[in-house]
Structures are given as structure tokens and as C-alpha cells.
Amino acid sequence: MADGPDDDAIVEGYWNLDQLVADLSAARSRWRQSQQHHAEYGAEGFPSRANLTKIMQSLCGALFPLRLGPSFVRLSNEDAYVAETLQTVLSRLYGQIRLELIYALKDEPAAVVDREAARIIGGFAQSLPALRVLLDTDVDAAFLGDPAARSVDEVLICYPSMLAIIHHRLAHRLYDLGAPLVARIISEIAHGKTGIDIHPGATIGQSFFIDHGTGVVIGETAIVGDRVRLYQGVTLGARSFPADEKGQLEKAQPRHPIIEDDVVIYAGATILGRIIVGSRSVIGGNVWLTDSVPADSNVRQAKARHEVTSRVEVSAPHRVHALVGSTDGVGENI
């Protein structure tokens, strides 16, 4: 069978390449001028999402080698795997941090950038044992808080919330140490994989559990205490965004909720502004909360009225036995 026509030849001439390149160059120049960016800033490159994805996978393996590491890891070679992995992955993470600092410290000499990158990666590395201990409390919280969890191994291997929390714990440490861009990329890697959006600036206590998880949003200045449990669709967000005299939004101002210890927040609840939810409170599903509540509060939506105008017949009688405890209100216990 004869080869088909040359694809390059078929499409050649349908665009003016020189004009496209010139127009894109002009667009970039206009953007840089409007943002006061210069072409030389970032000339060595920016932190790479693809590279940080690989780095995070390796860090997860180093923290939990028998569960999140490669299949060849056994108790007999666990420490050797961790040593080899950390040597490689911390060097690569140092390179990503350095790229951020070249941009952030653009007016500083290379020696200052290198010294700052070394400080950050050194502090991060020293934190890994404590972060592992903290993550163990999160795994325990998920296992103890979810009757569907059959083992801590299932939680660690299967639960998207654990992936999001591992990423957050590591990202938050980098954020605190002075690498906010790398930290934000790491948080967005988890966001893309799990649907759970936790800003790396958020402060979260031990034994944290997100059940199901999809749609959870936790803002930059949120503070979450110990043993807090969230369900899917919960938002810990900002109520308003103050602007400066130029009309630009003020950055890094406290604007997200403070959730104290032992609080449970059910699915779809939205909690906005710098308010306090007191310890041991329960916030019901789909509640909209913009005012502080004291400890031991139980906040629920007003009950909707439902008037029954006709009897509901069972459309599939063979399934009735599966509805544990069901009565005339078929399906209420599904």
C-alpha cells in the first residue's frame, strides 16, 4: 500500500508563520509592559508542574515506602530505598526552589539565591520525620472516623483525601519556609488529582479527616484545629475582598474562618469570613454560615416541609428487603 501524502506538505501555506510569531511576540511584550515584567525574569525557567509531580510521588514513597513506594520495596530494603530516594528527590526539589528564588530574588546575586534555597531545602528535609508522625494521625483519624474503612492501609492507598492531605502537609512546610510558588504548584497537583482544593497557606492541626472530599475548598488564611472532620463540598472561604487605594485586592489579609478543635462540618456547608466556629460544634449539611458560633454549637438548616399527597408505591418490590428499616417512606434509609 502506497504511503499517504506528506502531512506537512498538505497543511503548508494555511497560515503565515512569520506573522504569527511576530504577533505573539508583540502580545508578550504588551503583557510584560502592563505587568512590569521583564523578559530576563524567569529566563532560566520557572518551577515545573511536571517535575514537581514526579518529586511528590517520590516523596510520598519515601514517607510511606511499603504502601506508596514502588513494588520492589520490602522491610529488608526499606531504609536503603528511602535513603536513595531522598538523596535524589531533595536535590531535584532544591533545583525547583532555586528556580522560584531566581525569579523572586531577581535583584540579588546568585550566592544569595543559592544560600536561601539551601536554607529552605535543609529546613524542609529536617521536617520530614515530624511530618510523617503528623500524617500518621491523619491516617488514624480517617480509619477511626469512617466505618467503611477496613484498614489503615486502605485509607493510605485508596482515599483521595489522604493524597490531598499529604500534599498539603508538605506544601505548607515549603510555604512557611519561603517557597510559596513551589508550594502552590504542589497544592494544585493534589487539587487536579482529587478535587480537593487546600491552599498551602492554610494551617491545619493533627488528626484531620476529609470524608469523600470532592469539592472541598480551604482558603489561604484558614486555621483548622485538631481532630476536625469535613465532608464533601465544604467551603472555608472568604466573605469579602478588601481593596487598596489603587483598587487592587489586598493580599495575605486574614479572611478565612478559624475552626477550633473537634468540629464536624457536613457536606455542602459554606463558612465564610474571619469567623470562629467553636470547639466541638457540628455544622449541618448545606448550612451558610457568616457569623461566629460558640463552642458546642449545633447549626442546622431550617427543615423543609414535605406534604404527602399520595401514597408512593414500590416500583421494585424485590429490592424492599435491601432497605434496612424502611417503612412507608421507601428509600429514606438508602
C-alpha atoms as a PDB file:
ATOM      1  CA  MET A   1       0.000   0.000   0.000  1.00  0.00           C
ATOM      2  CA  ALA A   2       1.420   3.355  -1.006  1.00  0.00           C
ATOM      3  CA  ASP A   3       2.320   5.852   1.662  1.00  0.00           C
ATOM      4  CA  GLY A   4      -0.162   8.660   2.201  1.00  0.00           C
ATOM      5  CA  PRO A   5       0.589  12.242   1.264  1.00  0.00           C
ATOM      6  CA  ASP A   6       3.047  14.214   3.363  1.00  0.00           C
ATOM      7  CA  ASP A   7       1.029  15.832   6.160  1.00  0.00           C
ATOM      8  CA  ASP A   8       3.419  18.765   6.360  1.00  0.00           C
ATOM      9  CA  ALA A   9       3.013  19.440   2.653  1.00  0.00           C
ATOM     10  CA  ILE A  10      -0.796  19.264   2.850  1.00  0.00           C
ATOM     11  CA  VAL A  11      -1.124  21.939   5.524  1.00  0.00           C
ATOM     12  CA  GLU A  12       1.759  24.141   4.421  1.00  0.00           C
ATOM     13  CA  GLY A  13       0.605  27.598   3.477  1.00  0.00           C
ATOM     14  CA  TYR A  14      -2.597  27.689   5.527  1.00  0.00           C
ATOM     15  CA  TRP A  15      -1.017  30.202   7.886  1.00  0.00           C
ATOM     16  CA  ASN A  16       1.647  32.863   7.821  1.00  0.00           C
ATOM     17  CA  LEU A  17       4.230  31.585  10.294  1.00  0.00           C
ATOM     18  CA  ASP A  18       6.334  34.754  10.325  1.00  0.00           C
ATOM     19  CA  GLN A  19       3.262  36.856  11.062  1.00  0.00           C
ATOM     20  CA  LEU A  20       2.109  34.504  13.829  1.00  0.00           C
ATOM     21  CA  VAL A  21       5.499  34.625  15.540  1.00  0.00           C
ATOM     22  CA  ALA A  22       5.617  38.425  15.265  1.00  0.00           C
ATOM     23  CA  ASP A  23       2.077  38.850  16.629  1.00  0.00           C
ATOM     24  CA  LEU A  24       2.712  36.522  19.566  1.00  0.00           C
ATOM     25  CA  SER A  25       5.938  38.381  20.343  1.00  0.00           C
ATOM     26  CA  ALA A  26       4.038  41.672  20.355  1.00  0.00           C
ATOM     27  CA  ALA A  27       1.380  40.211  22.667  1.00  0.00           C
ATOM     28  CA  ARG A  28       4.051  39.051  25.111  1.00  0.00           C
ATOM     29  CA  SER A  29       5.709  42.459  25.050  1.00  0.00           C
ATOM     30  CA  ARG A  30       2.429  44.234  25.812  1.00  0.00           C
ATOM     31  CA  TRP A  31       1.760  41.853  28.700  1.00  0.00           C
ATOM     32  CA  ARG A  32       5.217  42.323  30.193  1.00  0.00           C
ATOM     33  CA  GLN A  33       4.921  46.083  29.982  1.00  0.00           C
ATOM     34  CA  SER A  34       1.489  46.115  31.607  1.00  0.00           C
ATOM     35  CA  GLN A  35       2.663  43.813  34.415  1.00  0.00           C
ATOM     36  CA  GLN A  36       6.092  45.443  34.748  1.00  0.00           C
ATOM     37  CA  HIS A  37       7.670  42.116  33.819  1.00  0.00           C
ATOM     38  CA  HIS A  38      10.976  41.907  32.039  1.00  0.00           C
ATOM     39  CA  ALA A  39      11.982  39.193  29.624  1.00  0.00           C
ATOM     40  CA  GLU A  40      15.065  38.313  31.647  1.00  0.00           C
ATOM     41  CA  TYR A  41      12.970  37.467  34.716  1.00  0.00           C
ATOM     42  CA  GLY A  42      12.454  33.736  34.617  1.00  0.00           C
ATOM     43  CA  ALA A  43      14.948  33.382  31.784  1.00  0.00           C
ATOM     44  CA  GLU A  44      16.318  30.252  33.460  1.00  0.00           C
ATOM     45  CA  GLY A  45      12.816  28.796  33.689  1.00  0.00           C
ATOM     46  CA  PHE A  46      10.121  28.504  36.318  1.00  0.00           C
ATOM     47  CA  PRO A  47       9.312  25.623  38.655  1.00  0.00           C
ATOM     48  CA  SER A  48       7.831  22.799  36.602  1.00  0.00           C
ATOM     49  CA  ARG A  49       4.492  21.213  37.434  1.00  0.00           C
ATOM     50  CA  ALA A  50       5.541  18.027  35.633  1.00  0.00           C
ATOM     51  CA  ASN A  51       8.785  17.788  37.601  1.00  0.00           C
ATOM     52  CA  LEU A  52       7.084  18.579  40.902  1.00  0.00           C
ATOM     53  CA  THR A  53       4.501  15.866  40.220  1.00  0.00           C
ATOM     54  CA  LYS A  54       7.327  13.331  39.989  1.00  0.00           C
ATOM     55  CA  ILE A  55       9.012  14.809  43.053  1.00  0.00           C
ATOM     56  CA  MET A  56       5.815  14.489  45.081  1.00  0.00           C
ATOM     57  CA  GLN A  57       5.337  10.895  44.009  1.00  0.00           C
ATOM     58  CA  SER A  58       8.851  10.116  45.222  1.00  0.00           C
ATOM     59  CA  LEU A  59       8.330  11.987  48.498  1.00  0.00           C
ATOM     60  CA  CYS A  60       5.122  10.048  49.131  1.00  0.00           C
ATOM     61  CA  GLY A  61       7.101   6.862  48.580  1.00  0.00           C
ATOM     62  CA  ALA A  62       9.857   7.983  50.934  1.00  0.00           C
ATOM     63  CA  LEU A  63       7.326   8.793  53.656  1.00  0.00           C
ATOM     64  CA  PHE A  64       5.307   5.587  53.228  1.00  0.00           C
ATOM     65  CA  PRO A  65       7.655   3.223  51.389  1.00  0.00           C
ATOM     66  CA  LEU A  66       5.723  -0.033  51.821  1.00  0.00           C
ATOM     67  CA  ARG A  67       2.382   1.492  50.831  1.00  0.00           C
ATOM     68  CA  LEU A  68       3.151   4.334  48.414  1.00  0.00           C
ATOM     69  CA  GLY A  69       6.598   3.300  47.226  1.00  0.00           C
ATOM     70  CA  PRO A  70       7.428   1.039  44.267  1.00  0.00           C
ATOM     71  CA  SER A  71       6.530  -2.650  44.340  1.00  0.00           C
ATOM     72  CA  PHE A  72      10.079  -3.875  44.971  1.00  0.00           C
ATOM     73  CA  VAL A  73      10.298  -2.236  48.412  1.00  0.00           C
ATOM     74  CA  ARG A  74      10.299  -4.683  51.329  1.00  0.00           C
ATOM     75  CA  LEU A  75      11.163  -4.400  55.004  1.00  0.00           C
ATOM     76  CA  SER A  76      14.636  -5.667  54.175  1.00  0.00           C
ATOM     77  CA  ASN A  77      15.444  -2.821  51.766  1.00  0.00           C
ATOM     78  CA  GLU A  78      13.122  -0.113  53.085  1.00  0.00           C
ATOM     79  CA  ASP A  79      15.812   2.128  54.578  1.00  0.00           C
ATOM     80  CA  ALA A  80      18.049   1.773  51.529  1.00  0.00           C
ATOM     81  CA  TYR A  81      15.163   2.787  49.267  1.00  0.00           C
ATOM     82  CA  VAL A  82      14.345   5.794  51.449  1.00  0.00           C
ATOM     83  CA  ALA A  83      17.992   6.914  51.509  1.00  0.00           C
ATOM     84  CA  GLU A  84      18.420   6.655  47.747  1.00  0.00           C
ATOM     85  CA  THR A  85      15.067   8.302  47.052  1.00  0.00           C
ATOM     86  CA  LEU A  86      15.642  11.236  49.398  1.00  0.00           C
ATOM     87  CA  GLN A  87      19.121  11.881  48.043  1.00  0.00           C
ATOM     88  CA  THR A  88      17.694  12.209  44.551  1.00  0.00           C
ATOM     89  CA  VAL A  89      14.365  13.873  45.246  1.00  0.00           C
ATOM     90  CA  LEU A  90      15.678  16.520  47.650  1.00  0.00           C
ATOM     91  CA  SER A  91      18.300  17.516  45.098  1.00  0.00           C
ATOM     92  CA  ARG A  92      15.594  17.866  42.466  1.00  0.00           C
ATOM     93  CA  LEU A  93      13.359  19.817  44.824  1.00  0.00           C
ATOM     94  CA  TYR A  94      16.284  22.133  45.603  1.00  0.00           C
ATOM     95  CA  GLY A  95      16.511  22.851  41.872  1.00  0.00           C
ATOM     96  CA  GLN A  96      12.814  23.743  41.693  1.00  0.00           C
ATOM     97  CA  ILE A  97      13.077  26.008  44.739  1.00  0.00           C
ATOM     98  CA  ARG A  98      16.109  27.706  43.246  1.00  0.00           C
ATOM     99  CA  LEU A  99      14.161  28.474  40.056  1.00  0.00           C
ATOM    100  CA  GLU A 100      11.481  30.168  42.145  1.00  0.00           C
ATOM    101  CA  LEU A 101      14.058  32.195  44.045  1.00  0.00           C
ATOM    102  CA  ILE A 102      15.887  33.307  40.897  1.00  0.00           C
ATOM    103  CA  TYR A 103      12.596  34.964  39.949  1.00  0.00           C
ATOM    104  CA  ALA A 104      11.597  36.164  43.428  1.00  0.00           C
ATOM    105  CA  LEU A 105      15.085  37.489  44.298  1.00  0.00           C
ATOM    106  CA  LYS A 106      15.851  38.800  40.832  1.00  0.00           C
ATOM    107  CA  ASP A 107      17.959  41.691  42.124  1.00  0.00           C
ATOM    108  CA  GLU A 108      20.107  39.505  44.385  1.00  0.00           C
ATOM    109  CA  PRO A 109      23.389  37.835  43.390  1.00  0.00           C
ATOM    110  CA  ALA A 110      23.469  34.109  42.702  1.00  0.00           C
ATOM    111  CA  ALA A 111      25.187  33.410  46.023  1.00  0.00           C
ATOM    112  CA  VAL A 112      22.201  34.823  47.931  1.00  0.00           C
ATOM    113  CA  VAL A 113      19.778  32.738  45.875  1.00  0.00           C
ATOM    114  CA  ASP A 114      21.811  29.579  46.466  1.00  0.00           C
ATOM    115  CA  ARG A 115      22.076  30.246  50.190  1.00  0.00           C
ATOM    116  CA  GLU A 116      18.331  30.834  50.528  1.00  0.00           C
ATOM    117  CA  ALA A 117      17.478  27.724  48.505  1.00  0.00           C
ATOM    118  CA  ALA A 118      19.820  25.698  50.731  1.00  0.00           C
ATOM    119  CA  ARG A 119      18.133  27.069  53.859  1.00  0.00           C
ATOM    120  CA  ILE A 120      14.685  26.130  52.574  1.00  0.00           C
ATOM    121  CA  ILE A 121      15.555  22.616  51.418  1.00  0.00           C
ATOM    122  CA  GLY A 122      17.514  21.974  54.618  1.00  0.00           C
ATOM    123  CA  GLY A 123      14.607  23.034  56.804  1.00  0.00           C
ATOM    124  CA  PHE A 124      12.193  21.003  54.710  1.00  0.00           C
ATOM    125  CA  ALA A 125      14.335  17.869  54.924  1.00  0.00           C
ATOM    126  CA  GLN A 126      14.666  18.163  58.701  1.00  0.00           C
ATOM    127  CA  SER A 127      10.864  18.423  58.956  1.00  0.00           C
ATOM    128  CA  LEU A 128      10.121  15.140  57.176  1.00  0.00           C
ATOM    129  CA  PRO A 129      10.174  12.863  60.270  1.00  0.00           C
ATOM    130  CA  ALA A 130       7.788  15.168  62.153  1.00  0.00           C
ATOM    131  CA  LEU A 131       5.557  15.438  59.087  1.00  0.00           C
ATOM    132  CA  ARG A 132       5.398  11.647  58.861  1.00  0.00           C
ATOM    133  CA  VAL A 133       4.264  11.487  62.512  1.00  0.00           C
ATOM    134  CA  LEU A 134       1.644  14.169  61.823  1.00  0.00           C
ATOM    135  CA  LEU A 135       0.377  12.287  58.768  1.00  0.00           C
ATOM    136  CA  ASP A 136       0.027   9.140  60.881  1.00  0.00           C
ATOM    137  CA  THR A 137      -2.560  10.999  62.981  1.00  0.00           C
ATOM    138  CA  ASP A 138      -4.462  11.861  59.800  1.00  0.00           C
ATOM    139  CA  VAL A 139      -4.480   8.221  58.679  1.00  0.00           C
ATOM    140  CA  ASP A 140      -5.743   7.147  62.111  1.00  0.00           C
ATOM    141  CA  ALA A 141      -8.459   9.820  62.028  1.00  0.00           C
ATOM    142  CA  ALA A 142      -9.724   8.551  58.684  1.00  0.00           C
ATOM    143  CA  PHE A 143      -9.715   4.926  59.809  1.00  0.00           C
ATOM    144  CA  LEU A 144     -11.473   5.671  63.094  1.00  0.00           C
ATOM    145  CA  GLY A 145     -13.907   8.143  61.538  1.00  0.00           C
ATOM    146  CA  ASP A 146     -15.096   6.142  58.537  1.00  0.00           C
ATOM    147  CA  PRO A 147     -16.984   2.869  59.135  1.00  0.00           C
ATOM    148  CA  ALA A 148     -16.276   1.916  55.516  1.00  0.00           C
ATOM    149  CA  ALA A 149     -12.515   1.874  56.132  1.00  0.00           C
ATOM    150  CA  ARG A 150     -11.363  -1.714  56.659  1.00  0.00           C
ATOM    151  CA  SER A 151      -7.727  -0.902  57.441  1.00  0.00           C
ATOM    152  CA  VAL A 152      -5.274   1.955  57.693  1.00  0.00           C
ATOM    153  CA  ASP A 153      -3.637   0.550  54.572  1.00  0.00           C
ATOM    154  CA  GLU A 154      -6.876   1.037  52.646  1.00  0.00           C
ATOM    155  CA  VAL A 155      -7.034   4.642  53.845  1.00  0.00           C
ATOM    156  CA  LEU A 156      -3.490   5.365  52.756  1.00  0.00           C
ATOM    157  CA  ILE A 157      -3.656   3.608  49.404  1.00  0.00           C
ATOM    158  CA  CYS A 158      -7.204   4.458  48.325  1.00  0.00           C
ATOM    159  CA  TYR A 159      -8.512   7.636  49.936  1.00  0.00           C
ATOM    160  CA  PRO A 160      -8.169  10.786  47.799  1.00  0.00           C
ATOM    161  CA  SER A 161      -8.318  12.893  50.941  1.00  0.00           C
ATOM    162  CA  MET A 162      -5.094  11.291  52.178  1.00  0.00           C
ATOM    163  CA  LEU A 163      -3.345  12.177  48.933  1.00  0.00           C
ATOM    164  CA  ALA A 164      -4.562  15.761  49.318  1.00  0.00           C
ATOM    165  CA  ILE A 165      -3.506  15.942  52.968  1.00  0.00           C
ATOM    166  CA  ILE A 166      -0.028  14.529  52.280  1.00  0.00           C
ATOM    167  CA  HIS A 167       0.454  17.115  49.552  1.00  0.00           C
ATOM    168  CA  HIS A 168      -0.840  19.852  51.843  1.00  0.00           C
ATOM    169  CA  ARG A 169       1.409  18.960  54.773  1.00  0.00           C
ATOM    170  CA  LEU A 170       4.489  19.099  52.535  1.00  0.00           C
ATOM    171  CA  ALA A 171       3.329  22.184  50.634  1.00  0.00           C
ATOM    172  CA  HIS A 172       2.504  24.056  53.836  1.00  0.00           C
ATOM    173  CA  ARG A 173       6.005  23.470  55.171  1.00  0.00           C
ATOM    174  CA  LEU A 174       7.542  24.821  51.959  1.00  0.00           C
ATOM    175  CA  TYR A 175       5.141  27.781  52.100  1.00  0.00           C
ATOM    176  CA  ASP A 176       6.244  28.616  55.641  1.00  0.00           C
ATOM    177  CA  LEU A 177       9.913  28.267  54.723  1.00  0.00           C
ATOM    178  CA  GLY A 178       9.630  30.761  51.853  1.00  0.00           C
ATOM    179  CA  ALA A 179       8.820  28.845  48.655  1.00  0.00           C
ATOM    180  CA  PRO A 180       5.170  29.822  48.064  1.00  0.00           C
ATOM    181  CA  LEU A 181       5.156  29.232  44.303  1.00  0.00           C
ATOM    182  CA  VAL A 182       6.509  25.682  44.563  1.00  0.00           C
ATOM    183  CA  ALA A 183       4.062  25.101  47.419  1.00  0.00           C
ATOM    184  CA  ARG A 184       1.135  26.375  45.350  1.00  0.00           C
ATOM    185  CA  ILE A 185       2.041  24.139  42.423  1.00  0.00           C
ATOM    186  CA  ILE A 186       2.120  21.142  44.776  1.00  0.00           C
ATOM    187  CA  SER A 187      -1.311  22.013  46.160  1.00  0.00           C
ATOM    188  CA  GLU A 188      -2.713  22.343  42.646  1.00  0.00           C
ATOM    189  CA  ILE A 189      -1.278  18.939  41.705  1.00  0.00           C
ATOM    190  CA  ALA A 190      -3.373  17.455  44.516  1.00  0.00           C
ATOM    191  CA  HIS A 191      -6.355  19.613  43.542  1.00  0.00           C
ATOM    192  CA  GLY A 192      -6.256  18.283  40.000  1.00  0.00           C
ATOM    193  CA  LYS A 193      -6.000  14.677  41.169  1.00  0.00           C
ATOM    194  CA  THR A 194      -8.558  14.739  43.983  1.00  0.00           C
ATOM    195  CA  GLY A 195     -10.917  17.690  43.541  1.00  0.00           C
ATOM    196  CA  ILE A 196      -9.831  18.904  46.997  1.00  0.00           C
ATOM    197  CA  ASP A 197      -8.525  22.486  46.982  1.00  0.00           C
ATOM    198  CA  ILE A 198      -6.391  23.348  50.017  1.00  0.00           C
ATOM    199  CA  HIS A 199      -4.273  26.473  49.786  1.00  0.00           C
ATOM    200  CA  PRO A 200      -0.752  25.793  51.102  1.00  0.00           C
ATOM    201  CA  GLY A 201      -1.053  28.758  53.447  1.00  0.00           C
ATOM    202  CA  ALA A 202      -3.893  27.139  55.410  1.00  0.00           C
ATOM    203  CA  THR A 203      -2.912  25.943  58.894  1.00  0.00           C
ATOM    204  CA  ILE A 204      -4.353  22.529  59.786  1.00  0.00           C
ATOM    205  CA  GLY A 205      -3.985  20.661  63.071  1.00  0.00           C
ATOM    206  CA  GLN A 206      -3.436  16.979  63.678  1.00  0.00           C
ATOM    207  CA  SER A 207      -5.901  14.117  63.103  1.00  0.00           C
ATOM    208  CA  PHE A 208      -7.544  15.859  60.150  1.00  0.00           C
ATOM    209  CA  PHE A 209     -10.059  13.889  58.079  1.00  0.00           C
ATOM    210  CA  ILE A 210     -11.943  14.771  54.905  1.00  0.00           C
ATOM    211  CA  ASP A 211     -14.561  12.137  54.068  1.00  0.00           C
ATOM    212  CA  HIS A 212     -15.193  11.670  50.334  1.00  0.00           C
ATOM    213  CA  GLY A 213     -13.597  15.048  49.693  1.00  0.00           C
ATOM    214  CA  THR A 214     -14.688  16.188  46.248  1.00  0.00           C
ATOM    215  CA  GLY A 215     -15.365  19.917  46.159  1.00  0.00           C
ATOM    216  CA  VAL A 216     -13.756  20.815  49.493  1.00  0.00           C
ATOM    217  CA  VAL A 217     -12.152  24.287  49.459  1.00  0.00           C
ATOM    218  CA  ILE A 218      -9.933  25.616  52.259  1.00  0.00           C
ATOM    219  CA  GLY A 219      -8.616  29.145  51.822  1.00  0.00           C
ATOM    220  CA  GLU A 220      -5.164  30.594  52.385  1.00  0.00           C
ATOM    221  CA  THR A 221      -5.647  32.083  55.849  1.00  0.00           C
ATOM    222  CA  ALA A 222      -7.954  29.413  57.269  1.00  0.00           C
ATOM    223  CA  ILE A 223      -6.950  27.893  60.606  1.00  0.00           C
ATOM    224  CA  VAL A 224      -8.228  24.396  61.368  1.00  0.00           C
ATOM    225  CA  GLY A 225      -7.753  22.848  64.796  1.00  0.00           C
ATOM    226  CA  ASP A 226      -7.143  19.276  65.894  1.00  0.00           C
ATOM    227  CA  ARG A 227      -9.473  16.348  65.174  1.00  0.00           C
ATOM    228  CA  VAL A 228     -11.622  18.265  62.693  1.00  0.00           C
ATOM    229  CA  ARG A 229     -13.723  16.301  60.212  1.00  0.00           C
ATOM    230  CA  LEU A 230     -15.064  17.688  56.934  1.00  0.00           C
ATOM    231  CA  TYR A 231     -17.315  16.140  54.324  1.00  0.00           C
ATOM    232  CA  GLN A 232     -17.527  16.705  50.596  1.00  0.00           C
ATOM    233  CA  GLY A 233     -18.372  20.130  49.225  1.00  0.00           C
ATOM    234  CA  VAL A 234     -17.373  22.094  52.338  1.00  0.00           C
ATOM    235  CA  THR A 235     -16.024  25.605  51.741  1.00  0.00           C
ATOM    236  CA  LEU A 236     -13.903  27.520  54.241  1.00  0.00           C
ATOM    237  CA  GLY A 237     -13.783  30.717  52.251  1.00  0.00           C
ATOM    238  CA  ALA A 238     -13.631  34.499  52.330  1.00  0.00           C
ATOM    239  CA  ARG A 239     -16.693  36.689  52.543  1.00  0.00           C
ATOM    240  CA  SER A 240     -15.219  39.842  51.031  1.00  0.00           C
ATOM    241  CA  PHE A 241     -12.017  41.006  49.408  1.00  0.00           C
ATOM    242  CA  PRO A 242     -10.791  44.421  50.650  1.00  0.00           C
ATOM    243  CA  ALA A 243      -9.010  46.579  48.074  1.00  0.00           C
ATOM    244  CA  ASP A 244      -6.229  49.128  48.467  1.00  0.00           C
ATOM    245  CA  GLU A 245      -6.279  52.749  47.278  1.00  0.00           C
ATOM    246  CA  LYS A 246      -5.470  51.590  43.731  1.00  0.00           C
ATOM    247  CA  GLY A 247      -8.418  49.234  43.657  1.00  0.00           C
ATOM    248  CA  GLN A 248      -6.249  46.125  43.819  1.00  0.00           C
ATOM    249  CA  LEU A 249      -7.117  43.329  46.216  1.00  0.00           C
ATOM    250  CA  GLU A 250      -5.107  43.303  49.435  1.00  0.00           C
ATOM    251  CA  LYS A 251      -3.084  40.128  49.704  1.00  0.00           C
ATOM    252  CA  ALA A 252      -2.497  37.804  52.665  1.00  0.00           C
ATOM    253  CA  GLN A 253      -5.036  39.500  54.960  1.00  0.00           C
ATOM    254  CA  PRO A 254      -6.813  37.143  57.419  1.00  0.00           C
ATOM    255  CA  ARG A 255     -10.133  36.498  55.692  1.00  0.00           C
ATOM    256  CA  HIS A 256     -10.953  32.824  56.188  1.00  0.00           C
ATOM    257  CA  PRO A 257     -12.566  31.004  59.134  1.00  0.00           C
ATOM    258  CA  ILE A 258     -10.974  29.662  62.289  1.00  0.00           C
ATOM    259  CA  ILE A 259     -12.266  26.161  63.018  1.00  0.00           C
ATOM    260  CA  GLU A 260     -11.491  25.078  66.569  1.00  0.00           C
ATOM    261  CA  ASP A 261     -10.827  21.540  67.820  1.00  0.00           C
ATOM    262  CA  ASP A 262     -13.222  18.591  67.378  1.00  0.00           C
ATOM    263  CA  VAL A 263     -15.563  20.326  64.924  1.00  0.00           C
ATOM    264  CA  VAL A 264     -17.581  18.342  62.369  1.00  0.00           C
ATOM    265  CA  ILE A 265     -18.743  20.088  59.187  1.00  0.00           C
ATOM    266  CA  TYR A 266     -21.154  18.159  56.987  1.00  0.00           C
ATOM    267  CA  ALA A 267     -21.493  18.072  53.215  1.00  0.00           C
ATOM    268  CA  GLY A 268     -22.083  21.273  51.303  1.00  0.00           C
ATOM    269  CA  ALA A 269     -21.645  23.667  54.234  1.00  0.00           C
ATOM    270  CA  THR A 270     -20.211  27.085  53.375  1.00  0.00           C
ATOM    271  CA  ILE A 271     -18.394  29.015  56.110  1.00  0.00           C
ATOM    272  CA  LEU A 272     -17.191  32.459  55.085  1.00  0.00           C
ATOM    273  CA  GLY A 273     -15.109  35.244  56.584  1.00  0.00           C
ATOM    274  CA  ARG A 274     -12.812  35.582  59.583  1.00  0.00           C
ATOM    275  CA  ILE A 275     -15.263  33.978  61.971  1.00  0.00           C
ATOM    276  CA  ILE A 276     -14.750  31.369  64.684  1.00  0.00           C
ATOM    277  CA  VAL A 277     -16.505  28.024  64.869  1.00  0.00           C
ATOM    278  CA  GLY A 278     -16.141  26.988  68.499  1.00  0.00           C
ATOM    279  CA  SER A 279     -14.808  23.651  69.681  1.00  0.00           C
ATOM    280  CA  ARG A 280     -16.975  20.537  69.402  1.00  0.00           C
ATOM    281  CA  SER A 281     -19.518  22.304  67.203  1.00  0.00           C
ATOM    282  CA  VAL A 282     -21.449  20.492  64.481  1.00  0.00           C
ATOM    283  CA  ILE A 283     -22.277  22.376  61.283  1.00  0.00           C
ATOM    284  CA  GLY A 284     -25.036  20.672  59.311  1.00  0.00           C
ATOM    285  CA  GLY A 285     -25.147  19.988  55.605  1.00  0.00           C
ATOM    286  CA  ASN A 286     -25.656  22.927  53.215  1.00  0.00           C
ATOM    287  CA  VAL A 287     -25.527  25.491  56.027  1.00  0.00           C
ATOM    288  CA  TRP A 288     -24.447  29.022  55.012  1.00  0.00           C
ATOM    289  CA  LEU A 289     -22.531  30.497  57.955  1.00  0.00           C
ATOM    290  CA  THR A 290     -21.078  34.010  58.148  1.00  0.00           C
ATOM    291  CA  ASP A 291     -21.160  34.635  61.914  1.00  0.00           C
ATOM    292  CA  SER A 292     -19.123  33.104  64.711  1.00  0.00           C
ATOM    293  CA  VAL A 293     -20.686  30.386  66.841  1.00  0.00           C
ATOM    294  CA  PRO A 294     -19.623  29.398  70.380  1.00  0.00           C
ATOM    295  CA  ALA A 295     -18.297  26.046  71.466  1.00  0.00           C
ATOM    296  CA  ASP A 296     -20.704  23.082  71.409  1.00  0.00           C
ATOM    297  CA  SER A 297     -23.000  24.722  68.852  1.00  0.00           C
ATOM    298  CA  ASN A 298     -25.228  22.658  66.575  1.00  0.00           C
ATOM    299  CA  VAL A 299     -26.039  24.650  63.446  1.00  0.00           C
ATOM    300  CA  ARG A 300     -28.581  23.232  61.010  1.00  0.00           C
ATOM    301  CA  GLN A 301     -30.720  24.382  58.145  1.00  0.00           C
ATOM    302  CA  ALA A 302     -34.386  25.014  58.820  1.00  0.00           C
ATOM    303  CA  LYS A 303     -36.333  21.860  57.976  1.00  0.00           C
ATOM    304  CA  ALA A 304     -38.189  21.903  54.690  1.00  0.00           C
ATOM    305  CA  ARG A 305     -41.887  20.969  54.791  1.00  0.00           C
ATOM    306  CA  HIS A 306     -42.934  17.958  52.760  1.00  0.00           C
ATOM    307  CA  GLU A 307     -46.636  17.271  52.410  1.00  0.00           C
ATOM    308  CA  VAL A 308     -47.520  13.779  51.157  1.00  0.00           C
ATOM    309  CA  THR A 309     -50.451  13.966  48.723  1.00  0.00           C
ATOM    310  CA  SER A 310     -50.478  10.325  47.611  1.00  0.00           C
ATOM    311  CA  ARG A 311     -49.052   7.006  48.665  1.00  0.00           C
ATOM    312  CA  VAL A 312     -45.773   6.059  46.992  1.00  0.00           C
ATOM    313  CA  GLU A 313     -45.896   2.550  45.555  1.00  0.00           C
ATOM    314  CA  VAL A 314     -42.811   0.378  45.468  1.00  0.00           C
ATOM    315  CA  SER A 315     -41.630   0.182  41.860  1.00  0.00           C
ATOM    316  CA  ALA A 316     -39.259  -2.710  42.536  1.00  0.00           C
ATOM    317  CA  PRO A 317     -40.707  -4.918  45.302  1.00  0.00           C
ATOM    318  CA  HIS A 318     -37.792  -7.351  45.052  1.00  0.00           C
ATOM    319  CA  ARG A 319     -35.492  -4.629  46.404  1.00  0.00           C
ATOM    320  CA  VAL A 320     -37.513  -3.803  49.510  1.00  0.00           C
ATOM    321  CA  HIS A 321     -35.548  -6.266  51.655  1.00  0.00           C
ATOM    322  CA  ALA A 322     -32.397  -4.229  50.976  1.00  0.00           C
ATOM    323  CA  LEU A 323     -33.877  -1.081  52.519  1.00  0.00           C
ATOM    324  CA  VAL A 324     -32.936  -1.702  56.120  1.00  0.00           C
ATOM    325  CA  GLY A 325     -35.576  -0.289  58.423  1.00  0.00           C
ATOM    326  CA  SER A 326     -37.637   1.152  55.549  1.00  0.00           C
ATOM    327  CA  THR A 327     -41.330   1.863  56.120  1.00  0.00           C
ATOM    328  CA  ASP A 328     -43.895   3.704  54.038  1.00  0.00           C
ATOM    329  CA  GLY A 329     -41.264   6.293  53.249  1.00  0.00           C
ATOM    330  CA  VAL A 330     -39.484   3.949  50.884  1.00  0.00           C
ATOM    331  CA  GLY A 331     -35.867   4.908  50.385  1.00  0.00           C
ATOM    332  CA  GLU A 332     -35.394   7.128  53.400  1.00  0.00           C
ATOM    333  CA  ASN A 333     -32.708   4.804  54.731  1.00  0.00           C
ATOM    334  CA  ILE A 334     -30.874   4.248  51.437  1.00  0.00           C
END
